[in-house]
Amino acid sequence: MVVRSVALTTALLLGACTTVSNETRSQAVLETGLNAGERYEIRTRLLEGPNGSFEQTSVVYRGYSKTCRIDSPNDCKLAARQLIEEYDELFF
């Protein structure tokens, strides 16, 4: 319980200290596997904080997101596949 409240406090502090200065979105589709054809979004945000700016990339599927590394081969595809499978397990 303590770890959870510390993580929540950290997330709230981080959220309060950064602002999104730029955001790009692109559509993508899973091409293979059980969920082939499912559409998801790749979102890249430029965040400005007290220690400078940094970029964060994530995949978004039906309102849920998972962080990925856009410059690592297939990392966002793998994150999207995992996110879609987790969503399916959660709701079906």
N, C-alpha and C. Protein backbone atom coordinates (compact mmCIF):
# COMPACT_ATOMS: atom_id res chain seq x y z
N MET A 1 0.82 -1.18 0.00
CA MET A 1 0.00 0.00 0.00
C MET A 1 0.87 1.25 0.00
N VAL A 2 1.98 1.23 0.75
CA VAL A 2 2.87 2.39 0.80
C VAL A 2 3.48 2.65 -0.57
N VAL A 3 3.91 1.58 -1.25
CA VAL A 3 4.51 1.73 -2.57
C VAL A 3 3.51 2.33 -3.54
N ARG A 4 2.28 1.89 -3.48
CA ARG A 4 1.24 2.40 -4.37
C ARG A 4 1.01 3.89 -4.15
N SER A 5 0.95 4.33 -2.89
CA SER A 5 0.71 5.75 -2.62
C SER A 5 1.92 6.59 -3.01
N VAL A 6 3.13 6.06 -2.86
CA VAL A 6 4.33 6.78 -3.29
C VAL A 6 4.34 6.93 -4.80
N ALA A 7 3.99 5.85 -5.52
CA ALA A 7 3.94 5.91 -6.98
C ALA A 7 2.88 6.90 -7.44
N LEU A 8 1.73 6.91 -6.78
CA LEU A 8 0.67 7.84 -7.13
C LEU A 8 1.11 9.28 -6.88
N THR A 9 1.75 9.52 -5.75
CA THR A 9 2.24 10.86 -5.43
C THR A 9 3.27 11.30 -6.45
N THR A 10 4.18 10.41 -6.82
CA THR A 10 5.20 10.74 -7.82
C THR A 10 4.55 11.07 -9.16
N ALA A 11 3.56 10.29 -9.56
CA ALA A 11 2.87 10.54 -10.83
C ALA A 11 2.17 11.89 -10.81
N LEU A 12 1.54 12.23 -9.70
CA LEU A 12 0.86 13.51 -9.59
C LEU A 12 1.85 14.67 -9.64
N LEU A 13 2.98 14.51 -8.97
CA LEU A 13 4.00 15.56 -8.99
C LEU A 13 4.59 15.72 -10.38
N LEU A 14 4.87 14.61 -11.04
CA LEU A 14 5.41 14.66 -12.39
C LEU A 14 4.42 15.33 -13.33
N GLY A 15 3.16 14.96 -13.21
CA GLY A 15 2.13 15.54 -14.05
C GLY A 15 1.98 17.03 -13.81
N ALA A 16 2.17 17.47 -12.59
CA ALA A 16 2.01 18.88 -12.26
C ALA A 16 3.20 19.71 -12.71
N CYS A 17 4.34 19.08 -12.96
CA CYS A 17 5.56 19.81 -13.28
C CYS A 17 5.88 19.84 -14.77
N THR A 18 5.14 19.13 -15.59
CA THR A 18 5.42 19.09 -17.02
C THR A 18 4.23 19.61 -17.81
N THR A 19 4.54 20.14 -18.97
CA THR A 19 3.49 20.55 -19.89
C THR A 19 3.80 19.97 -21.26
N VAL A 20 2.77 19.67 -22.01
CA VAL A 20 2.93 19.15 -23.36
C VAL A 20 3.07 20.34 -24.30
N SER A 21 4.23 20.46 -24.95
CA SER A 21 4.44 21.58 -25.86
C SER A 21 4.15 21.22 -27.31
N ASN A 22 4.17 19.92 -27.62
CA ASN A 22 3.86 19.49 -28.97
C ASN A 22 3.42 18.03 -28.92
N GLU A 23 2.48 17.67 -29.78
CA GLU A 23 2.00 16.30 -29.84
C GLU A 23 1.71 15.92 -31.28
N THR A 24 2.20 14.75 -31.69
CA THR A 24 1.88 14.23 -33.02
C THR A 24 1.23 12.87 -32.85
N ARG A 25 0.30 12.57 -33.75
CA ARG A 25 -0.41 11.29 -33.72
C ARG A 25 -0.42 10.70 -35.11
N SER A 26 -0.23 9.40 -35.18
CA SER A 26 -0.32 8.70 -36.47
C SER A 26 -1.06 7.39 -36.25
N GLN A 27 -1.80 6.99 -37.25
CA GLN A 27 -2.57 5.75 -37.18
C GLN A 27 -1.72 4.58 -37.66
N ALA A 28 -1.94 3.42 -37.05
CA ALA A 28 -1.22 2.21 -37.44
C ALA A 28 -2.17 1.02 -37.32
N VAL A 29 -1.80 -0.07 -37.95
CA VAL A 29 -2.63 -1.28 -37.95
C VAL A 29 -1.74 -2.48 -37.68
N LEU A 30 -2.18 -3.37 -36.79
CA LEU A 30 -1.45 -4.63 -36.60
C LEU A 30 -1.58 -5.45 -37.88
N GLU A 31 -0.47 -5.94 -38.37
CA GLU A 31 -0.48 -6.63 -39.66
C GLU A 31 -0.53 -8.15 -39.53
N THR A 32 -0.09 -8.69 -38.41
CA THR A 32 -0.04 -10.15 -38.26
C THR A 32 -0.59 -10.55 -36.90
N GLY A 33 -0.78 -11.84 -36.74
CA GLY A 33 -1.20 -12.37 -35.45
C GLY A 33 -2.70 -12.46 -35.29
N LEU A 34 -3.10 -12.87 -34.11
CA LEU A 34 -4.51 -13.07 -33.80
C LEU A 34 -5.33 -11.80 -33.96
N ASN A 35 -4.76 -10.65 -33.64
CA ASN A 35 -5.48 -9.38 -33.71
C ASN A 35 -5.13 -8.57 -34.96
N ALA A 36 -4.71 -9.24 -36.01
CA ALA A 36 -4.38 -8.54 -37.26
C ALA A 36 -5.57 -7.72 -37.72
N GLY A 37 -5.28 -6.50 -38.17
CA GLY A 37 -6.33 -5.60 -38.62
C GLY A 37 -6.78 -4.60 -37.57
N GLU A 38 -6.41 -4.82 -36.32
CA GLU A 38 -6.79 -3.87 -35.26
C GLU A 38 -6.02 -2.57 -35.45
N ARG A 39 -6.72 -1.46 -35.34
CA ARG A 39 -6.11 -0.13 -35.49
C ARG A 39 -5.72 0.42 -34.13
N TYR A 40 -4.58 1.10 -34.10
CA TYR A 40 -4.12 1.78 -32.89
C TYR A 40 -3.44 3.07 -33.31
N GLU A 41 -3.07 3.86 -32.34
CA GLU A 41 -2.47 5.16 -32.60
C GLU A 41 -1.08 5.22 -31.98
N ILE A 42 -0.15 5.84 -32.67
CA ILE A 42 1.17 6.11 -32.10
C ILE A 42 1.20 7.60 -31.77
N ARG A 43 1.42 7.91 -30.51
CA ARG A 43 1.40 9.30 -30.05
C ARG A 43 2.78 9.68 -29.51
N THR A 44 3.33 10.76 -30.03
CA THR A 44 4.62 11.26 -29.56
C THR A 44 4.39 12.66 -28.99
N ARG A 45 4.83 12.85 -27.77
CA ARG A 45 4.66 14.13 -27.09
C ARG A 45 6.02 14.72 -26.72
N LEU A 46 6.15 16.02 -26.91
CA LEU A 46 7.31 16.75 -26.42
C LEU A 46 6.88 17.41 -25.11
N LEU A 47 7.50 17.00 -24.02
CA LEU A 47 7.15 17.48 -22.69
C LEU A 47 8.20 18.46 -22.20
N GLU A 48 7.76 19.56 -21.63
CA GLU A 48 8.65 20.57 -21.06
C GLU A 48 8.54 20.49 -19.54
N GLY A 49 9.69 20.34 -18.89
CA GLY A 49 9.72 20.26 -17.43
C GLY A 49 10.77 21.18 -16.86
N PRO A 50 10.91 21.21 -15.56
CA PRO A 50 11.87 22.10 -14.92
C PRO A 50 13.33 21.79 -15.29
N ASN A 51 13.61 20.57 -15.70
CA ASN A 51 14.98 20.18 -16.07
C ASN A 51 15.17 20.10 -17.58
N GLY A 52 14.28 20.69 -18.35
CA GLY A 52 14.40 20.67 -19.80
C GLY A 52 13.27 19.91 -20.45
N SER A 53 13.44 19.61 -21.72
CA SER A 53 12.38 18.93 -22.46
C SER A 53 12.79 17.49 -22.76
N PHE A 54 11.78 16.66 -22.95
CA PHE A 54 12.02 15.27 -23.33
C PHE A 54 10.83 14.78 -24.14
N GLU A 55 11.07 13.73 -24.91
CA GLU A 55 10.04 13.16 -25.77
C GLU A 55 9.54 11.86 -25.18
N GLN A 56 8.24 11.64 -25.29
CA GLN A 56 7.63 10.40 -24.83
C GLN A 56 6.75 9.86 -25.95
N THR A 57 6.94 8.59 -26.30
CA THR A 57 6.14 7.95 -27.33
C THR A 57 5.33 6.84 -26.69
N SER A 58 4.09 6.71 -27.11
CA SER A 58 3.24 5.64 -26.61
C SER A 58 2.28 5.19 -27.69
N VAL A 59 1.77 3.97 -27.52
CA VAL A 59 0.71 3.48 -28.39
C VAL A 59 -0.59 3.61 -27.61
N VAL A 60 -1.66 3.93 -28.33
CA VAL A 60 -2.96 4.15 -27.70
C VAL A 60 -3.98 3.25 -28.40
N TYR A 61 -4.75 2.53 -27.58
CA TYR A 61 -5.79 1.64 -28.10
C TYR A 61 -7.01 1.75 -27.21
N ARG A 62 -8.10 2.26 -27.76
CA ARG A 62 -9.38 2.39 -27.05
C ARG A 62 -9.23 3.09 -25.70
N GLY A 63 -8.44 4.15 -25.68
CA GLY A 63 -8.28 4.95 -24.48
C GLY A 63 -7.19 4.49 -23.53
N TYR A 64 -6.58 3.35 -23.79
CA TYR A 64 -5.49 2.84 -22.97
C TYR A 64 -4.18 3.09 -23.69
N SER A 65 -3.12 3.33 -22.93
CA SER A 65 -1.83 3.60 -23.57
C SER A 65 -0.71 2.81 -22.92
N LYS A 66 0.35 2.64 -23.70
CA LYS A 66 1.54 1.93 -23.23
C LYS A 66 2.74 2.61 -23.86
N THR A 67 3.72 2.96 -23.04
CA THR A 67 4.92 3.64 -23.52
C THR A 67 5.77 2.70 -24.36
N CYS A 68 6.39 3.26 -25.40
CA CYS A 68 7.28 2.47 -26.25
C CYS A 68 8.44 3.35 -26.70
N ARG A 69 9.44 2.71 -27.31
CA ARG A 69 10.61 3.43 -27.85
C ARG A 69 10.48 3.45 -29.36
N ILE A 70 10.21 4.61 -29.90
CA ILE A 70 9.97 4.74 -31.33
C ILE A 70 11.22 4.41 -32.15
N ASP A 71 12.40 4.64 -31.58
CA ASP A 71 13.65 4.41 -32.31
C ASP A 71 14.18 2.98 -32.15
N SER A 72 13.47 2.14 -31.42
CA SER A 72 13.87 0.74 -31.26
C SER A 72 13.02 -0.11 -32.20
N PRO A 73 13.65 -0.88 -33.08
CA PRO A 73 12.88 -1.65 -34.08
C PRO A 73 11.78 -2.50 -33.45
N ASN A 74 10.58 -2.32 -33.93
CA ASN A 74 9.40 -3.10 -33.55
C ASN A 74 8.94 -2.92 -32.11
N ASP A 75 9.53 -2.01 -31.34
CA ASP A 75 9.12 -1.86 -29.94
C ASP A 75 7.68 -1.37 -29.84
N CYS A 76 7.29 -0.41 -30.67
CA CYS A 76 5.91 0.10 -30.61
C CYS A 76 4.92 -0.94 -31.12
N LYS A 77 5.31 -1.73 -32.12
CA LYS A 77 4.43 -2.80 -32.60
C LYS A 77 4.21 -3.84 -31.50
N LEU A 78 5.28 -4.19 -30.80
CA LEU A 78 5.17 -5.14 -29.71
C LEU A 78 4.31 -4.57 -28.58
N ALA A 79 4.53 -3.30 -28.25
CA ALA A 79 3.72 -2.66 -27.20
C ALA A 79 2.26 -2.62 -27.60
N ALA A 80 1.97 -2.33 -28.87
CA ALA A 80 0.58 -2.31 -29.34
C ALA A 80 -0.04 -3.69 -29.25
N ARG A 81 0.68 -4.71 -29.67
CA ARG A 81 0.17 -6.08 -29.61
C ARG A 81 -0.14 -6.46 -28.16
N GLN A 82 0.77 -6.13 -27.23
CA GLN A 82 0.56 -6.44 -25.81
C GLN A 82 -0.65 -5.67 -25.26
N LEU A 83 -0.75 -4.40 -25.62
CA LEU A 83 -1.86 -3.57 -25.15
C LEU A 83 -3.20 -4.11 -25.64
N ILE A 84 -3.28 -4.49 -26.89
CA ILE A 84 -4.52 -5.02 -27.46
C ILE A 84 -4.87 -6.35 -26.82
N GLU A 85 -3.88 -7.21 -26.60
CA GLU A 85 -4.14 -8.50 -25.95
C GLU A 85 -4.60 -8.30 -24.50
N GLU A 86 -3.97 -7.35 -23.78
CA GLU A 86 -4.38 -7.05 -22.40
C GLU A 86 -5.80 -6.52 -22.38
N TYR A 87 -6.15 -5.67 -23.33
CA TYR A 87 -7.49 -5.12 -23.42
C TYR A 87 -8.50 -6.25 -23.65
N ASP A 88 -8.18 -7.14 -24.58
CA ASP A 88 -9.07 -8.26 -24.87
C ASP A 88 -9.28 -9.15 -23.64
N GLU A 89 -8.21 -9.41 -22.89
CA GLU A 89 -8.31 -10.24 -21.70
C GLU A 89 -9.13 -9.55 -20.61
N LEU A 90 -9.03 -8.23 -20.56
CA LEU A 90 -9.73 -7.46 -19.54
C LEU A 90 -11.24 -7.43 -19.79
N PHE A 91 -11.64 -7.33 -21.05
CA PHE A 91 -13.05 -7.14 -21.36
C PHE A 91 -13.75 -8.35 -21.98
N PHE A 92 -13.03 -9.42 -22.27
CA PHE A 92 -13.69 -10.57 -22.88
C PHE A 92 -13.43 -11.83 -22.12
